[in-house]
Every structure is written in C-alpha cells, then in structure tokens.
C-alpha cells in the first residue's frame, strides 16, 4: 500500500515533468515536441523513427513456370530503393543460370550520395528469366538491394537475402 505522502510526491513530480515538457514543446520547432507528456509513453513508431531493414524493405518471390521467377521488392512508406543497387544471383543451382533480369524504369532523383539516379518509392516487379537443364529442380536465389529513408536521408547498408526456389 502506497503512503499518501509518496503518492503526493509522485503526482508533484509528474506535474513538474509535464510542465517542463509542455514548456519545451512550445519552444521547440520539432513536429514531435508538441505531443507533450503523452509522447513519452507512446509505444508506437513515430514518423521519423527508422524501421528495421527487414521492415523498411521487403522481397517476395514467386516461381512462374520452368524458366521464370518474379520478385516484388517493396519499400515501406517514406522509403525508397535504388534501381541500380538491385541485384540477383544464383547459388547451389547446378544446371540453372540467370539469363536476364527486367526492371521497370524508376523515378529520377538527385541523390546527395550517388548523384542522379533512379529510385523506386512503390513496389517494383523484377522479372528473372532462367536457363536450366530439365533435371535442375532446386536453386537458391540471392537478392541484393539498398535503399534510404526519404525524409531523414538515412541510407541503409546493402541488404542481401537468400531465397530457396523449387523449380517445376
């Protein structure tokens, strides 16, 4: 059981913290500063919080017949991916090679790091054409890509994912 004096002291400390936070919010130009005391206890991500790489950029693949794989690369809202940093390779794939990879044109961006470059802000479909022997059944697709948070200008290190493929 809490003593009344301890409760009163806690309430006074909380009120002082709230007043300090409110005063700071009025002086600050930060869009998150005006949320006051509530922002201290918020558990959800804020607009300017960086996502983990696997949430900022996702990839899903689908085998589309004996000679084709589709990969959908998706940047989260507020993020983009570099077109020229998207790569595909195969490993553990005897009898299978990549013949071509088709990517749509991207949006042109003047990037502070890479200069004029193409980016994707929306999901992008990569069409991967395979050459293979009839006996080839399994392969491991290695996908590489890189992207950034648009507003903060923070770029992630290159990401590499391996995906097991079962070919018909």
Protein backbone atom coordinates (compact mmCIF):
# COMPACT_ATOMS: atom_id res chain seq x y z
CA UNK A 1 0.00 0.00 0.00
CA UNK A 2 1.42 3.37 -1.02
CA UNK A 3 1.58 6.10 1.58
CA UNK A 4 -0.35 9.31 0.82
CA UNK A 5 2.89 11.34 1.04
CA UNK A 6 4.54 9.10 -1.59
CA UNK A 7 1.52 9.44 -3.89
CA UNK A 8 1.53 13.23 -3.46
CA UNK A 9 5.27 13.42 -4.20
CA UNK A 10 4.82 11.28 -7.30
CA UNK A 11 1.98 13.44 -8.55
CA UNK A 12 4.02 16.60 -7.97
CA UNK A 13 6.98 15.14 -9.88
CA UNK A 14 4.70 14.09 -12.73
CA UNK A 15 3.12 17.57 -12.85
CA UNK A 16 6.57 19.20 -12.93
CA UNK A 17 7.68 16.87 -15.72
CA UNK A 18 4.52 17.67 -17.67
CA UNK A 19 5.05 21.43 -17.24
CA UNK A 20 8.69 21.12 -18.33
CA UNK A 21 7.73 19.02 -21.34
CA UNK A 22 4.97 21.47 -22.32
CA UNK A 23 7.32 24.46 -21.96
CA UNK A 24 9.96 22.68 -24.05
CA UNK A 25 7.34 21.78 -26.69
CA UNK A 26 6.31 25.43 -27.01
CA UNK A 27 9.93 26.47 -27.59
CA UNK A 28 10.80 23.66 -30.00
CA UNK A 29 10.08 23.60 -33.70
CA UNK A 30 10.17 19.79 -33.81
CA UNK A 31 6.86 18.28 -35.02
CA UNK A 32 7.05 15.58 -32.32
CA UNK A 33 7.77 18.00 -29.47
CA UNK A 34 4.20 19.31 -29.21
CA UNK A 35 2.87 15.93 -28.12
CA UNK A 36 3.84 16.65 -24.52
CA UNK A 37 3.86 14.00 -21.83
CA UNK A 38 1.85 11.53 -23.93
CA UNK A 39 4.74 11.10 -26.35
CA UNK A 40 6.94 9.82 -23.52
CA UNK A 41 4.65 6.85 -23.00
CA UNK A 42 3.74 6.15 -26.62
CA UNK A 43 4.73 2.67 -27.76
CA UNK A 44 4.09 3.06 -31.49
CA UNK A 45 6.70 4.14 -34.04
CA UNK A 46 6.89 7.80 -34.92
CA UNK A 47 7.08 9.12 -38.45
CA UNK A 48 10.79 9.88 -38.11
CA UNK A 49 11.73 6.56 -36.46
CA UNK A 50 13.80 4.30 -38.67
CA UNK A 51 12.42 0.85 -39.36
CA UNK A 52 14.45 -2.32 -39.08
CA UNK A 53 15.86 -3.19 -42.54
CA UNK A 54 13.51 -6.18 -42.96
CA UNK A 55 10.50 -3.89 -42.40
CA UNK A 56 11.82 -0.95 -44.42
CA UNK A 57 12.42 -3.14 -47.49
CA UNK A 58 10.72 -6.45 -48.24
CA UNK A 59 11.02 -9.01 -51.01
CA UNK A 60 8.60 -11.74 -52.08
CA UNK A 61 9.31 -14.23 -54.84
CA UNK A 62 7.11 -16.45 -56.95
CA UNK A 63 8.24 -19.18 -59.37
CA UNK A 64 6.32 -18.56 -62.61
CA UNK A 65 6.96 -21.68 -64.63
CA UNK A 66 10.06 -23.59 -65.60
CA UNK A 67 12.05 -20.54 -66.70
CA UNK A 68 10.77 -17.54 -64.77
CA UNK A 69 10.80 -16.10 -61.27
CA UNK A 70 9.12 -12.89 -60.19
CA UNK A 71 10.40 -10.86 -57.27
CA UNK A 72 8.41 -7.99 -55.78
CA UNK A 73 10.60 -5.55 -53.87
CA UNK A 74 8.67 -3.15 -51.65
CA UNK A 75 9.97 -0.10 -49.80
CA UNK A 76 7.90 0.96 -46.78
CA UNK A 77 6.04 4.26 -46.92
CA UNK A 78 8.55 7.11 -46.74
CA UNK A 79 11.40 4.94 -48.06
CA UNK A 80 12.89 4.34 -51.49
CA UNK A 81 15.13 1.75 -53.16
CA UNK A 82 17.93 2.35 -55.65
CA UNK A 83 17.28 0.71 -59.03
CA UNK A 84 20.99 0.23 -59.76
CA UNK A 85 21.55 -1.48 -56.39
CA UNK A 86 19.07 -4.29 -57.12
CA UNK A 87 20.96 -7.48 -58.00
CA UNK A 88 20.11 -11.15 -58.40
CA UNK A 89 22.39 -14.19 -58.49
CA UNK A 90 22.07 -17.94 -58.02
CA UNK A 91 23.97 -20.30 -55.76
CA UNK A 92 23.61 -24.01 -55.11
CA UNK A 93 21.96 -24.16 -58.53
CA UNK A 94 23.59 -26.80 -60.72
CA UNK A 95 22.12 -26.59 -64.21
CA UNK A 96 20.43 -23.20 -63.63
CA UNK A 97 21.63 -19.73 -64.63
CA UNK A 98 20.05 -16.31 -64.81
CA UNK A 99 19.55 -15.33 -68.45
CA UNK A 100 18.16 -11.83 -67.78
CA UNK A 101 16.58 -9.56 -65.18
CA UNK A 102 13.99 -6.99 -66.23
CA UNK A 103 13.23 -4.00 -64.04
CA UNK A 104 10.90 -1.13 -64.92
CA UNK A 105 12.22 2.43 -65.21
CA UNK A 106 12.40 4.25 -61.92
CA UNK A 107 11.85 7.82 -60.82
CA UNK A 108 14.88 10.10 -61.33
CA UNK A 109 16.27 11.55 -58.10
CA UNK A 110 19.19 13.85 -57.43
CA UNK A 111 20.69 11.87 -54.57
CA UNK A 112 23.22 13.53 -52.22
CA UNK A 113 25.32 10.35 -52.13
CA UNK A 114 25.02 8.85 -55.62
CA UNK A 115 24.07 11.89 -57.74
CA UNK A 116 21.42 11.49 -60.44
CA UNK A 117 19.95 8.02 -60.03
CA UNK A 118 16.76 6.01 -60.48
CA UNK A 119 14.72 5.04 -57.43
CA UNK A 120 11.53 3.18 -56.56
CA UNK A 121 9.12 4.52 -53.92
CA UNK A 122 6.45 1.94 -54.75
CA UNK A 123 6.59 -1.86 -55.07
CA UNK A 124 8.59 -2.94 -58.10
CA UNK A 125 8.30 -6.18 -60.06
CA UNK A 126 11.56 -7.80 -61.15
CA UNK A 127 11.19 -10.46 -63.83
CA UNK A 128 14.01 -13.01 -63.69
CA UNK A 129 14.40 -15.28 -66.72
CA UNK A 130 16.23 -18.57 -66.09
CA UNK A 131 18.08 -21.00 -68.32
CA UNK A 132 18.09 -24.52 -66.96
CA UNK A 133 18.51 -28.13 -67.70
CA UNK A 134 15.43 -30.36 -67.39
CA UNK A 135 16.99 -32.12 -64.38
CA UNK A 136 17.52 -28.93 -62.37
CA UNK A 137 14.95 -28.70 -59.59
CA UNK A 138 16.38 -26.55 -56.80
CA UNK A 139 18.23 -23.26 -56.64
CA UNK A 140 18.98 -20.54 -54.15
CA UNK A 141 18.25 -17.01 -55.33
CA UNK A 142 20.45 -14.33 -53.79
CA UNK A 143 18.82 -10.90 -53.92
CA UNK A 144 20.73 -7.74 -53.10
CA UNK A 145 19.27 -4.25 -52.74
CA UNK A 146 19.73 -0.95 -50.95
CA UNK A 147 17.51 1.96 -50.01
CA UNK A 148 17.01 5.03 -47.84
CA UNK A 149 14.53 6.86 -45.64
CA UNK A 150 13.32 9.78 -47.76
CA UNK A 151 12.73 12.43 -45.07
CA UNK A 152 15.73 11.72 -42.85
CA UNK A 153 18.11 10.98 -45.72
CA UNK A 154 19.44 7.93 -43.88
CA UNK A 155 20.59 5.15 -46.19
CA UNK A 156 20.78 1.53 -45.10
CA UNK A 157 23.79 -0.65 -45.86
CA UNK A 158 23.26 -3.06 -48.76
CA UNK A 159 20.90 -5.90 -47.85
CA UNK A 160 21.28 -9.46 -49.08
CA UNK A 161 18.57 -12.13 -48.87
CA UNK A 162 18.69 -15.78 -49.88
CA UNK A 163 15.52 -17.49 -51.09
CA UNK A 164 15.19 -21.22 -51.77
CA UNK A 165 13.48 -21.95 -55.08
CA UNK A 166 11.82 -25.20 -56.14
CA UNK A 167 11.55 -25.30 -59.92
CA UNK A 168 8.80 -27.23 -61.75
